[in-house]
């Protein structure tokens, strides 16, 4: 029986690879990101529901979960890949330690 995956941050990287693996396994996927058209173009499948989602906006989170349940009936697997990442050494306190994961880190 296919599972329904709900994956955030699926436009690229690990999120995109998880979506690809789940679809290749025959599962259904709710793939979220800031640009659902890009997600749809990348993963053309009738088992895909691409939705806009900024994980920092609670109303968007609720709307995307409601849409997922309406389309597929359930969510079996949740992968929270979108959101915030830590920049720098974790042990050192700093007021700007956390930043949106959409920011790129420079090693220069």
PDB file of N, CA and C in Angstrom:
ATOM      1  N   UNK A   1       0.847  -1.190   0.000  1.00  0.00           N
ATOM      2  CA  UNK A   1       0.000   0.000   0.000  1.00  0.00           C
ATOM      3  C   UNK A   1       0.888   1.248   0.000  1.00  0.00           C
ATOM      4  N   UNK A   2       0.659   2.159  -0.933  1.00  0.00           N
ATOM      5  CA  UNK A   2       1.505   3.360  -0.991  1.00  0.00           C
ATOM      6  C   UNK A   2       1.307   4.261   0.224  1.00  0.00           C
ATOM      7  N   UNK A   3       2.382   4.888   0.615  1.00  0.00           N
ATOM      8  CA  UNK A   3       2.348   5.848   1.720  1.00  0.00           C
ATOM      9  C   UNK A   3       2.227   7.255   1.143  1.00  0.00           C
ATOM     10  N   UNK A   4       1.751   8.173   1.978  1.00  0.00           N
ATOM     11  CA  UNK A   4       1.706   9.581   1.600  1.00  0.00           C
ATOM     12  C   UNK A   4       2.764  10.328   2.391  1.00  0.00           C
ATOM     13  N   UNK A   5       3.681  10.945   1.667  1.00  0.00           N
ATOM     14  CA  UNK A   5       4.773  11.722   2.253  1.00  0.00           C
ATOM     15  C   UNK A   5       4.406  13.197   2.199  1.00  0.00           C
ATOM     16  N   UNK A   6       4.728  13.934   3.253  1.00  0.00           N
ATOM     17  CA  UNK A   6       4.603  15.394   3.288  1.00  0.00           C
ATOM     18  C   UNK A   6       6.016  15.909   3.534  1.00  0.00           C
ATOM     19  N   UNK A   7       6.582  16.584   2.515  1.00  0.00           N
ATOM     20  CA  UNK A   7       7.984  16.997   2.580  1.00  0.00           C
ATOM     21  C   UNK A   7       8.080  18.505   2.369  1.00  0.00           C
ATOM     22  N   UNK A   8       8.754  19.190   3.279  1.00  0.00           N
ATOM     23  CA  UNK A   8       8.972  20.626   3.123  1.00  0.00           C
ATOM     24  C   UNK A   8      10.346  20.870   2.503  1.00  0.00           C
ATOM     25  N   UNK A   9      10.484  22.024   1.858  1.00  0.00           N
ATOM     26  CA  UNK A   9      11.777  22.390   1.279  1.00  0.00           C
ATOM     27  C   UNK A   9      12.199  21.463   0.165  1.00  0.00           C
ATOM     28  N   UNK A  10      11.343  21.315  -0.870  1.00  0.00           N
ATOM     29  CA  UNK A  10      11.593  20.296  -1.889  1.00  0.00           C
ATOM     30  C   UNK A  10      12.105  20.828  -3.222  1.00  0.00           C
ATOM     31  N   UNK A  11      12.411  22.099  -3.300  1.00  0.00           N
ATOM     32  CA  UNK A  11      12.840  22.672  -4.578  1.00  0.00           C
ATOM     33  C   UNK A  11      14.211  22.172  -5.012  1.00  0.00           C
ATOM     34  N   UNK A  12      15.051  21.812  -4.061  1.00  0.00           N
ATOM     35  CA  UNK A  12      16.398  21.351  -4.397  1.00  0.00           C
ATOM     36  C   UNK A  12      16.984  20.574  -3.217  1.00  0.00           C
ATOM     37  N   UNK A  13      18.158  20.028  -3.430  1.00  0.00           N
ATOM     38  CA  UNK A  13      18.890  19.371  -2.353  1.00  0.00           C
ATOM     39  C   UNK A  13      18.230  18.113  -1.810  1.00  0.00           C
ATOM     40  N   UNK A  14      18.371  17.926  -0.507  1.00  0.00           N
ATOM     41  CA  UNK A  14      17.861  16.717   0.152  1.00  0.00           C
ATOM     42  C   UNK A  14      16.358  16.571  -0.033  1.00  0.00           C
ATOM     43  N   UNK A  15      15.630  17.674   0.089  1.00  0.00           N
ATOM     44  CA  UNK A  15      14.177  17.617  -0.089  1.00  0.00           C
ATOM     45  C   UNK A  15      13.785  17.084  -1.454  1.00  0.00           C
ATOM     46  N   UNK A  16      14.449  17.569  -2.495  1.00  0.00           N
ATOM     47  CA  UNK A  16      14.165  17.108  -3.855  1.00  0.00           C
ATOM     48  C   UNK A  16      14.498  15.627  -4.018  1.00  0.00           C
ATOM     49  N   UNK A  17      15.588  15.187  -3.430  1.00  0.00           N
ATOM     50  CA  UNK A  17      15.977  13.772  -3.530  1.00  0.00           C
ATOM     51  C   UNK A  17      14.988  12.867  -2.789  1.00  0.00           C
ATOM     52  N   UNK A  18      14.455  13.330  -1.674  1.00  0.00           N
ATOM     53  CA  UNK A  18      13.449  12.543  -0.943  1.00  0.00           C
ATOM     54  C   UNK A  18      12.191  12.397  -1.786  1.00  0.00           C
ATOM     55  N   UNK A  19      11.755  13.501  -2.414  1.00  0.00           N
ATOM     56  CA  UNK A  19      10.575  13.445  -3.283  1.00  0.00           C
ATOM     57  C   UNK A  19      10.801  12.445  -4.412  1.00  0.00           C
ATOM     58  N   UNK A  20      11.953  12.523  -5.050  1.00  0.00           N
ATOM     59  CA  UNK A  20      12.267  11.617  -6.158  1.00  0.00           C
ATOM     60  C   UNK A  20      12.220  10.154  -5.695  1.00  0.00           C
ATOM     61  N   UNK A  21      12.820   9.863  -4.554  1.00  0.00           N
ATOM     62  CA  UNK A  21      12.850   8.487  -4.050  1.00  0.00           C
ATOM     63  C   UNK A  21      11.449   7.982  -3.706  1.00  0.00           C
ATOM     64  N   UNK A  22      10.645   8.827  -3.078  1.00  0.00           N
ATOM     65  CA  UNK A  22       9.285   8.416  -2.703  1.00  0.00           C
ATOM     66  C   UNK A  22       8.430   8.160  -3.942  1.00  0.00           C
ATOM     67  N   UNK A  23       8.513   9.042  -4.929  1.00  0.00           N
ATOM     68  CA  UNK A  23       7.756   8.831  -6.165  1.00  0.00           C
ATOM     69  C   UNK A  23       8.237   7.576  -6.890  1.00  0.00           C
ATOM     70  N   UNK A  24       9.546   7.364  -6.937  1.00  0.00           N
ATOM     71  CA  UNK A  24      10.085   6.157  -7.586  1.00  0.00           C
ATOM     72  C   UNK A  24       9.653   4.883  -6.877  1.00  0.00           C
ATOM     73  N   UNK A  25       9.363   4.982  -5.579  1.00  0.00           N
ATOM     74  CA  UNK A  25       8.893   3.822  -4.812  1.00  0.00           C
ATOM     75  C   UNK A  25       7.386   3.601  -4.975  1.00  0.00           C
ATOM     76  N   UNK A  26       6.720   4.494  -5.716  1.00  0.00           N
ATOM     77  CA  UNK A  26       5.285   4.339  -5.944  1.00  0.00           C
ATOM     78  C   UNK A  26       4.420   5.038  -4.908  1.00  0.00           C
ATOM     79  N   UNK A  27       5.044   5.828  -4.049  1.00  0.00           N
ATOM     80  CA  UNK A  27       4.290   6.533  -3.012  1.00  0.00           C
ATOM     81  C   UNK A  27       3.739   7.855  -3.540  1.00  0.00           C
ATOM     82  N   UNK A  28       2.839   8.445  -2.751  1.00  0.00           N
ATOM     83  CA  UNK A  28       2.270   9.759  -3.055  1.00  0.00           C
ATOM     84  C   UNK A  28       3.056  10.795  -2.265  1.00  0.00           C
ATOM     85  N   UNK A  29       3.209  11.993  -2.830  1.00  0.00           N
ATOM     86  CA  UNK A  29       4.033  13.008  -2.179  1.00  0.00           C
ATOM     87  C   UNK A  29       3.347  14.367  -2.217  1.00  0.00           C
ATOM     88  N   UNK A  30       3.292  15.001  -1.057  1.00  0.00           N
ATOM     89  CA  UNK A  30       2.946  16.404  -0.954  1.00  0.00           C
ATOM     90  C   UNK A  30       4.281  17.124  -0.823  1.00  0.00           C
ATOM     91  N   UNK A  31       4.664  17.831  -1.881  1.00  0.00           N
ATOM     92  CA  UNK A  31       5.958  18.508  -1.927  1.00  0.00           C
ATOM     93  C   UNK A  31       5.719  20.003  -1.780  1.00  0.00           C
ATOM     94  N   UNK A  32       6.322  20.596  -0.762  1.00  0.00           N
ATOM     95  CA  UNK A  32       6.079  22.007  -0.498  1.00  0.00           C
ATOM     96  C   UNK A  32       7.348  22.830  -0.691  1.00  0.00           C
ATOM     97  N   UNK A  33       7.119  24.083  -1.008  1.00  0.00           N
ATOM     98  CA  UNK A  33       8.213  25.021  -1.182  1.00  0.00           C
ATOM     99  C   UNK A  33       7.653  26.381  -1.536  1.00  0.00           C
ATOM    100  N   UNK A  34       8.525  27.312  -1.733  1.00  0.00           N
ATOM    101  CA  UNK A  34       8.074  28.672  -2.033  1.00  0.00           C
ATOM    102  C   UNK A  34       7.583  28.822  -3.465  1.00  0.00           C
ATOM    103  N   UNK A  35       7.972  27.906  -4.363  1.00  0.00           N
ATOM    104  CA  UNK A  35       7.556  27.978  -5.758  1.00  0.00           C
ATOM    105  C   UNK A  35       7.032  26.620  -6.223  1.00  0.00           C
ATOM    106  N   UNK A  36       5.733  26.351  -6.007  1.00  0.00           N
ATOM    107  CA  UNK A  36       5.185  25.041  -6.367  1.00  0.00           C
ATOM    108  C   UNK A  36       5.245  24.743  -7.873  1.00  0.00           C
ATOM    109  N   UNK A  37       5.265  25.774  -8.718  1.00  0.00           N
ATOM    110  CA  UNK A  37       5.367  25.536 -10.168  1.00  0.00           C
ATOM    111  C   UNK A  37       6.697  24.876 -10.513  1.00  0.00           C
ATOM    112  N   UNK A  38       7.753  25.315  -9.859  1.00  0.00           N
ATOM    113  CA  UNK A  38       9.073  24.704 -10.088  1.00  0.00           C
ATOM    114  C   UNK A  38       9.056  23.240  -9.648  1.00  0.00           C
ATOM    115  N   UNK A  39       8.419  22.970  -8.531  1.00  0.00           N
ATOM    116  CA  UNK A  39       8.323  21.591  -8.022  1.00  0.00           C
ATOM    117  C   UNK A  39       7.547  20.730  -9.016  1.00  0.00           C
ATOM    118  N   UNK A  40       6.410  21.240  -9.524  1.00  0.00           N
ATOM    119  CA  UNK A  40       5.603  20.486 -10.489  1.00  0.00           C
ATOM    120  C   UNK A  40       6.387  20.200 -11.766  1.00  0.00           C
ATOM    121  N   UNK A  41       7.162  21.174 -12.241  1.00  0.00           N
ATOM    122  CA  UNK A  41       7.934  20.987 -13.457  1.00  0.00           C
ATOM    123  C   UNK A  41       9.059  19.966 -13.266  1.00  0.00           C
ATOM    124  N   UNK A  42       9.602  19.918 -12.057  1.00  0.00           N
ATOM    125  CA  UNK A  42      10.686  18.981 -11.769  1.00  0.00           C
ATOM    126  C   UNK A  42      10.180  17.553 -11.623  1.00  0.00           C
ATOM    127  N   UNK A  43       9.046  17.382 -10.959  1.00  0.00           N
ATOM    128  CA  UNK A  43       8.530  16.039 -10.635  1.00  0.00           C
ATOM    129  C   UNK A  43       7.139  15.838 -11.240  1.00  0.00           C
ATOM    130  N   UNK A  44       7.053  15.720 -12.496  1.00  0.00           N
ATOM    131  CA  UNK A  44       5.750  15.529 -13.151  1.00  0.00           C
ATOM    132  C   UNK A  44       5.196  14.153 -12.779  1.00  0.00           C
ATOM    133  N   UNK A  45       4.118  14.154 -11.970  1.00  0.00           N
ATOM    134  CA  UNK A  45       3.520  12.892 -11.533  1.00  0.00           C
ATOM    135  C   UNK A  45       2.093  13.142 -11.067  1.00  0.00           C
ATOM    136  N   UNK A  46       1.211  12.174 -11.333  1.00  0.00           N
ATOM    137  CA  UNK A  46      -0.159  12.282 -10.827  1.00  0.00           C
ATOM    138  C   UNK A  46      -0.227  11.925  -9.337  1.00  0.00           C
ATOM    139  N   UNK A  47       0.885  11.466  -8.766  1.00  0.00           N
ATOM    140  CA  UNK A  47       0.958  11.161  -7.334  1.00  0.00           C
ATOM    141  C   UNK A  47       1.621  12.280  -6.545  1.00  0.00           C
ATOM    142  N   UNK A  48       1.761  13.451  -7.191  1.00  0.00           N
ATOM    143  CA  UNK A  48       2.403  14.606  -6.578  1.00  0.00           C
ATOM    144  C   UNK A  48       1.390  15.726  -6.368  1.00  0.00           C
ATOM    145  N   UNK A  49       1.422  16.325  -5.194  1.00  0.00           N
ATOM    146  CA  UNK A  49       0.690  17.558  -4.914  1.00  0.00           C
ATOM    147  C   UNK A  49       1.727  18.586  -4.485  1.00  0.00           C
ATOM    148  N   UNK A  50       1.965  19.580  -5.343  1.00  0.00           N
ATOM    149  CA  UNK A  50       2.937  20.633  -5.045  1.00  0.00           C
ATOM    150  C   UNK A  50       2.191  21.832  -4.474  1.00  0.00           C
ATOM    151  N   UNK A  51       2.636  22.285  -3.309  1.00  0.00           N
ATOM    152  CA  UNK A  51       1.956  23.378  -2.624  1.00  0.00           C
ATOM    153  C   UNK A  51       2.938  24.458  -2.199  1.00  0.00           C
ATOM    154  N   UNK A  52       2.458  25.718  -2.189  1.00  0.00           N
ATOM    155  CA  UNK A  52       3.306  26.795  -1.660  1.00  0.00           C
ATOM    156  C   UNK A  52       3.361  26.702  -0.145  1.00  0.00           C
ATOM    157  N   UNK A  53       4.553  26.868   0.407  1.00  0.00           N
ATOM    158  CA  UNK A  53       4.665  26.835   1.865  1.00  0.00           C
ATOM    159  C   UNK A  53       5.923  27.550   2.321  1.00  0.00           C
ATOM    160  N   UNK A  54       5.707  28.536   3.163  1.00  0.00           N
ATOM    161  CA  UNK A  54       6.773  29.170   3.924  1.00  0.00           C
ATOM    162  C   UNK A  54       6.572  28.662   5.346  1.00  0.00           C
ATOM    163  N   UNK A  55       7.471  27.823   5.843  1.00  0.00           N
ATOM    164  CA  UNK A  55       7.268  27.168   7.137  1.00  0.00           C
ATOM    165  C   UNK A  55       7.249  28.134   8.314  1.00  0.00           C
ATOM    166  N   UNK A  56       7.581  29.390   8.086  1.00  0.00           N
ATOM    167  CA  UNK A  56       7.520  30.383   9.163  1.00  0.00           C
ATOM    168  C   UNK A  56       6.136  31.017   9.268  1.00  0.00           C
ATOM    169  N   UNK A  57       5.215  30.644   8.360  1.00  0.00           N
ATOM    170  CA  UNK A  57       3.871  31.214   8.348  1.00  0.00           C
ATOM    171  C   UNK A  57       2.854  30.136   8.727  1.00  0.00           C
ATOM    172  N   UNK A  58       2.333  30.232   9.943  1.00  0.00           N
ATOM    173  CA  UNK A  58       1.450  29.205  10.486  1.00  0.00           C
ATOM    174  C   UNK A  58       0.207  28.978   9.634  1.00  0.00           C
ATOM    175  N   UNK A  59      -0.361  30.047   9.057  1.00  0.00           N
ATOM    176  CA  UNK A  59      -1.556  29.885   8.240  1.00  0.00           C
ATOM    177  C   UNK A  59      -1.268  29.056   6.988  1.00  0.00           C
ATOM    178  N   UNK A  60      -0.076  29.205   6.406  1.00  0.00           N
ATOM    179  CA  UNK A  60       0.301  28.402   5.246  1.00  0.00           C
ATOM    180  C   UNK A  60       0.522  26.943   5.624  1.00  0.00           C
ATOM    181  N   UNK A  61       1.071  26.712   6.806  1.00  0.00           N
ATOM    182  CA  UNK A  61       1.274  25.335   7.275  1.00  0.00           C
ATOM    183  C   UNK A  61      -0.074  24.628   7.388  1.00  0.00           C
ATOM    184  N   UNK A  62      -1.030  25.265   8.055  1.00  0.00           N
ATOM    185  CA  UNK A  62      -2.356  24.665   8.237  1.00  0.00           C
ATOM    186  C   UNK A  62      -3.037  24.429   6.889  1.00  0.00           C
ATOM    187  N   UNK A  63      -2.977  25.404   5.996  1.00  0.00           N
ATOM    188  CA  UNK A  63      -3.612  25.260   4.683  1.00  0.00           C
ATOM    189  C   UNK A  63      -2.999  24.118   3.881  1.00  0.00           C
ATOM    190  N   UNK A  64      -1.684  23.956   3.948  1.00  0.00           N
ATOM    191  CA  UNK A  64      -1.047  22.887   3.179  1.00  0.00           C
ATOM    192  C   UNK A  64      -1.366  21.506   3.756  1.00  0.00           C
ATOM    193  N   UNK A  65      -1.429  21.402   5.063  1.00  0.00           N
ATOM    194  CA  UNK A  65      -1.815  20.120   5.684  1.00  0.00           C
ATOM    195  C   UNK A  65      -3.258  19.783   5.322  1.00  0.00           C
ATOM    196  N   UNK A  66      -4.148  20.765   5.399  1.00  0.00           N
ATOM    197  CA  UNK A  66      -5.550  20.538   5.030  1.00  0.00           C
ATOM    198  C   UNK A  66      -5.680  20.081   3.572  1.00  0.00           C
ATOM    199  N   UNK A  67      -4.926  20.719   2.659  1.00  0.00           N
ATOM    200  CA  UNK A  67      -4.965  20.335   1.243  1.00  0.00           C
ATOM    201  C   UNK A  67      -4.429  18.918   1.039  1.00  0.00           C
ATOM    202  N   UNK A  68      -3.386  18.564   1.774  1.00  0.00           N
ATOM    203  CA  UNK A  68      -2.815  17.219   1.667  1.00  0.00           C
ATOM    204  C   UNK A  68      -3.818  16.158   2.093  1.00  0.00           C
ATOM    205  N   UNK A  69      -4.461  16.382   3.218  1.00  0.00           N
ATOM    206  CA  UNK A  69      -5.440  15.411   3.730  1.00  0.00           C
ATOM    207  C   UNK A  69      -6.654  15.335   2.806  1.00  0.00           C
ATOM    208  N   UNK A  70      -7.062  16.470   2.258  1.00  0.00           N
ATOM    209  CA  UNK A  70      -8.201  16.477   1.337  1.00  0.00           C
ATOM    210  C   UNK A  70      -7.896  15.647   0.092  1.00  0.00           C
ATOM    211  N   UNK A  71      -6.679  15.780  -0.441  1.00  0.00           N
ATOM    212  CA  UNK A  71      -6.323  15.058  -1.681  1.00  0.00           C
ATOM    213  C   UNK A  71      -6.015  13.583  -1.439  1.00  0.00           C
ATOM    214  N   UNK A  72      -5.230  13.279  -0.396  1.00  0.00           N
ATOM    215  CA  UNK A  72      -4.743  11.909  -0.202  1.00  0.00           C
ATOM    216  C   UNK A  72      -5.355  11.177   0.992  1.00  0.00           C
ATOM    217  N   UNK A  73      -6.085  11.888   1.854  1.00  0.00           N
ATOM    218  CA  UNK A  73      -6.770  11.245   2.972  1.00  0.00           C
ATOM    219  C   UNK A  73      -5.953  11.121   4.245  1.00  0.00           C
ATOM    220  N   UNK A  74      -4.643  11.118   4.125  1.00  0.00           N
ATOM    221  CA  UNK A  74      -3.790  10.941   5.293  1.00  0.00           C
ATOM    222  C   UNK A  74      -2.374  11.426   4.985  1.00  0.00           C
ATOM    223  N   UNK A  75      -1.595  11.596   6.027  1.00  0.00           N
ATOM    224  CA  UNK A  75      -0.151  11.835   5.893  1.00  0.00           C
ATOM    225  C   UNK A  75       0.526  10.748   6.711  1.00  0.00           C
ATOM    226  N   UNK A  76       1.327   9.922   6.051  1.00  0.00           N
ATOM    227  CA  UNK A  76       1.993   8.813   6.729  1.00  0.00           C
ATOM    228  C   UNK A  76       3.411   9.159   7.166  1.00  0.00           C
ATOM    229  N   UNK A  77       4.093   9.974   6.365  1.00  0.00           N
ATOM    230  CA  UNK A  77       5.496  10.307   6.630  1.00  0.00           C
ATOM    231  C   UNK A  77       5.655  11.821   6.525  1.00  0.00           C
ATOM    232  N   UNK A  78       6.262  12.431   7.542  1.00  0.00           N
ATOM    233  CA  UNK A  78       6.537  13.862   7.535  1.00  0.00           C
ATOM    234  C   UNK A  78       8.036  14.084   7.539  1.00  0.00           C
ATOM    235  N   UNK A  79       8.513  14.868   6.560  1.00  0.00           N
ATOM    236  CA  UNK A  79       9.923  15.242   6.505  1.00  0.00           C
ATOM    237  C   UNK A  79       9.977  16.762   6.535  1.00  0.00           C
ATOM    238  N   UNK A  80      10.416  17.315   7.658  1.00  0.00           N
ATOM    239  CA  UNK A  80      10.514  18.764   7.806  1.00  0.00           C
ATOM    240  C   UNK A  80      11.922  19.191   7.400  1.00  0.00           C
ATOM    241  N   UNK A  81      12.086  19.440   6.107  1.00  0.00           N
ATOM    242  CA  UNK A  81      13.374  19.783   5.546  1.00  0.00           C
ATOM    243  C   UNK A  81      13.542  21.291   5.349  1.00  0.00           C
ATOM    244  N   UNK A  82      12.463  22.037   5.358  1.00  0.00           N
ATOM    245  CA  UNK A  82      12.525  23.484   5.152  1.00  0.00           C
ATOM    246  C   UNK A  82      12.645  24.205   6.486  1.00  0.00           C
ATOM    247  N   UNK A  83      13.072  25.442   6.443  1.00  0.00           N
ATOM    248  CA  UNK A  83      13.085  26.220   7.667  1.00  0.00           C
ATOM    249  C   UNK A  83      14.375  26.937   7.920  1.00  0.00           C
ATOM    250  N   UNK A  84      14.898  26.751   9.098  1.00  0.00           N
ATOM    251  CA  UNK A  84      16.059  27.501   9.545  1.00  0.00           C
ATOM    252  C   UNK A  84      17.264  26.601   9.718  1.00  0.00           C
ATOM    253  N   UNK A  85      18.432  27.187   9.553  1.00  0.00           N
ATOM    254  CA  UNK A  85      19.672  26.455   9.757  1.00  0.00           C
ATOM    255  C   UNK A  85      20.614  27.267  10.620  1.00  0.00           C
ATOM    256  N   UNK A  86      21.505  26.591  11.264  1.00  0.00           N
ATOM    257  CA  UNK A  86      22.460  27.269  12.136  1.00  0.00           C
ATOM    258  C   UNK A  86      23.684  27.658  11.331  1.00  0.00           C
ATOM    259  N   UNK A  87      24.104  28.905  11.464  1.00  0.00           N
ATOM    260  CA  UNK A  87      25.298  29.388  10.768  1.00  0.00           C
ATOM    261  C   UNK A  87      26.388  29.616  11.788  1.00  0.00           C
ATOM    262  N   UNK A  88      27.514  28.965  11.649  1.00  0.00           N
ATOM    263  CA  UNK A  88      28.618  29.146  12.574  1.00  0.00           C
ATOM    264  C   UNK A  88      28.732  28.013  13.574  1.00  0.00           C
ATOM    265  N   UNK A  89      29.587  28.212  14.558  1.00  0.00           N
ATOM    266  CA  UNK A  89      29.831  27.210  15.590  1.00  0.00           C
ATOM    267  C   UNK A  89      28.694  27.250  16.598  1.00  0.00           C
ATOM    268  N   UNK A  90      28.068  26.104  16.841  1.00  0.00           N
ATOM    269  CA  UNK A  90      26.888  26.049  17.695  1.00  0.00           C
ATOM    270  C   UNK A  90      27.189  26.459  19.137  1.00  0.00           C
ATOM    271  N   UNK A  91      28.364  26.128  19.631  1.00  0.00           N
ATOM    272  CA  UNK A  91      28.706  26.391  21.022  1.00  0.00           C
ATOM    273  C   UNK A  91      28.918  27.871  21.331  1.00  0.00           C
ATOM    274  N   UNK A  92      29.167  28.678  20.314  1.00  0.00           N
ATOM    275  CA  UNK A  92      29.417  30.095  20.528  1.00  0.00           C
ATOM    276  C   UNK A  92      28.118  30.886  20.423  1.00  0.00           C
ATOM    277  N   UNK A  93      27.699  31.553  21.512  1.00  0.00           N
ATOM    278  CA  UNK A  93      26.454  32.321  21.443  1.00  0.00           C
ATOM    279  C   UNK A  93      26.599  33.527  20.524  1.00  0.00           C
ATOM    280  N   UNK A  94      25.561  33.762  19.759  1.00  0.00           N
ATOM    281  CA  UNK A  94      25.555  34.898  18.847  1.00  0.00           C
ATOM    282  C   UNK A  94      24.112  35.216  18.510  1.00  0.00           C
ATOM    283  N   UNK A  95      23.768  36.492  18.473  1.00  0.00           N
ATOM    284  CA  UNK A  95      22.374  36.873  18.262  1.00  0.00           C
ATOM    285  C   UNK A  95      21.858  36.489  16.875  1.00  0.00           C
ATOM    286  N   UNK A  96      22.715  36.382  15.891  1.00  0.00           N
ATOM    287  CA  UNK A  96      22.290  36.022  14.539  1.00  0.00           C
ATOM    288  C   UNK A  96      22.653  34.585  14.197  1.00  0.00           C
ATOM    289  N   UNK A  97      22.655  33.720  15.204  1.00  0.00           N
ATOM    290  CA  UNK A  97      23.094  32.347  15.001  1.00  0.00           C
ATOM    291  C   UNK A  97      22.178  31.584  14.039  1.00  0.00           C
ATOM    292  N   UNK A  98      20.893  31.875  14.045  1.00  0.00           N
ATOM    293  CA  UNK A  98      19.965  31.159  13.183  1.00  0.00           C
ATOM    294  C   UNK A  98      19.501  32.073  12.061  1.00  0.00           C
ATOM    295  N   UNK A  99      19.445  31.534  10.869  1.00  0.00           N
ATOM    296  CA  UNK A  99      19.018  32.298   9.707  1.00  0.00           C
ATOM    297  C   UNK A  99      18.186  31.392   8.811  1.00  0.00           C
ATOM    298  N   UNK A 100      17.314  31.972   7.998  1.00  0.00           N
ATOM    299  CA  UNK A 100      16.527  31.136   7.077  1.00  0.00           C
ATOM    300  C   UNK A 100      17.437  30.253   6.239  1.00  0.00           C
ATOM    301  N   UNK A 101      16.997  29.017   6.007  1.00  0.00           N
ATOM    302  CA  UNK A 101      17.821  28.076   5.254  1.00  0.00           C
ATOM    303  C   UNK A 101      17.990  28.509   3.809  1.00  0.00           C
ATOM    304  N   UNK A 102      17.185  29.459   3.355  1.00  0.00           N
ATOM    305  CA  UNK A 102      17.340  29.933   1.989  1.00  0.00           C
ATOM    306  C   UNK A 102      18.565  30.815   1.816  1.00  0.00           C
ATOM    307  N   UNK A 103      19.156  31.296   2.947  1.00  0.00           N
ATOM    308  CA  UNK A 103      20.373  32.081   2.861  1.00  0.00           C
ATOM    309  C   UNK A 103      21.544  31.156   2.537  1.00  0.00           C
ATOM    310  N   UNK A 104      22.436  31.626   1.715  1.00  0.00           N
ATOM    311  CA  UNK A 104      23.619  30.845   1.389  1.00  0.00           C
ATOM    312  C   UNK A 104      24.768  31.231   2.301  1.00  0.00           C
ATOM    313  N   UNK A 105      25.540  30.241   2.696  1.00  0.00           N
ATOM    314  CA  UNK A 105      26.698  30.492   3.538  1.00  0.00           C
ATOM    315  C   UNK A 105      27.924  30.707   2.678  1.00  0.00           C
ATOM    316  N   UNK A 106      28.733  31.666   3.017  1.00  0.00           N
ATOM    317  CA  UNK A 106      29.967  31.917   2.301  1.00  0.00           C
ATOM    318  C   UNK A 106      31.140  31.548   3.190  1.00  0.00           C
ATOM    319  N   UNK A 107      32.077  30.798   2.657  1.00  0.00           N
ATOM    320  CA  UNK A 107      33.258  30.409   3.427  1.00  0.00           C
ATOM    321  C   UNK A 107      34.398  31.407   3.230  1.00  0.00           C
ATOM    322  N   UNK A 108      34.184  32.417   2.398  1.00  0.00           N
ATOM    323  CA  UNK A 108      35.228  33.403   2.132  1.00  0.00           C
ATOM    324  C   UNK A 108      35.390  34.364   3.294  1.00  0.00           C
TER     325      UNK A 108
END
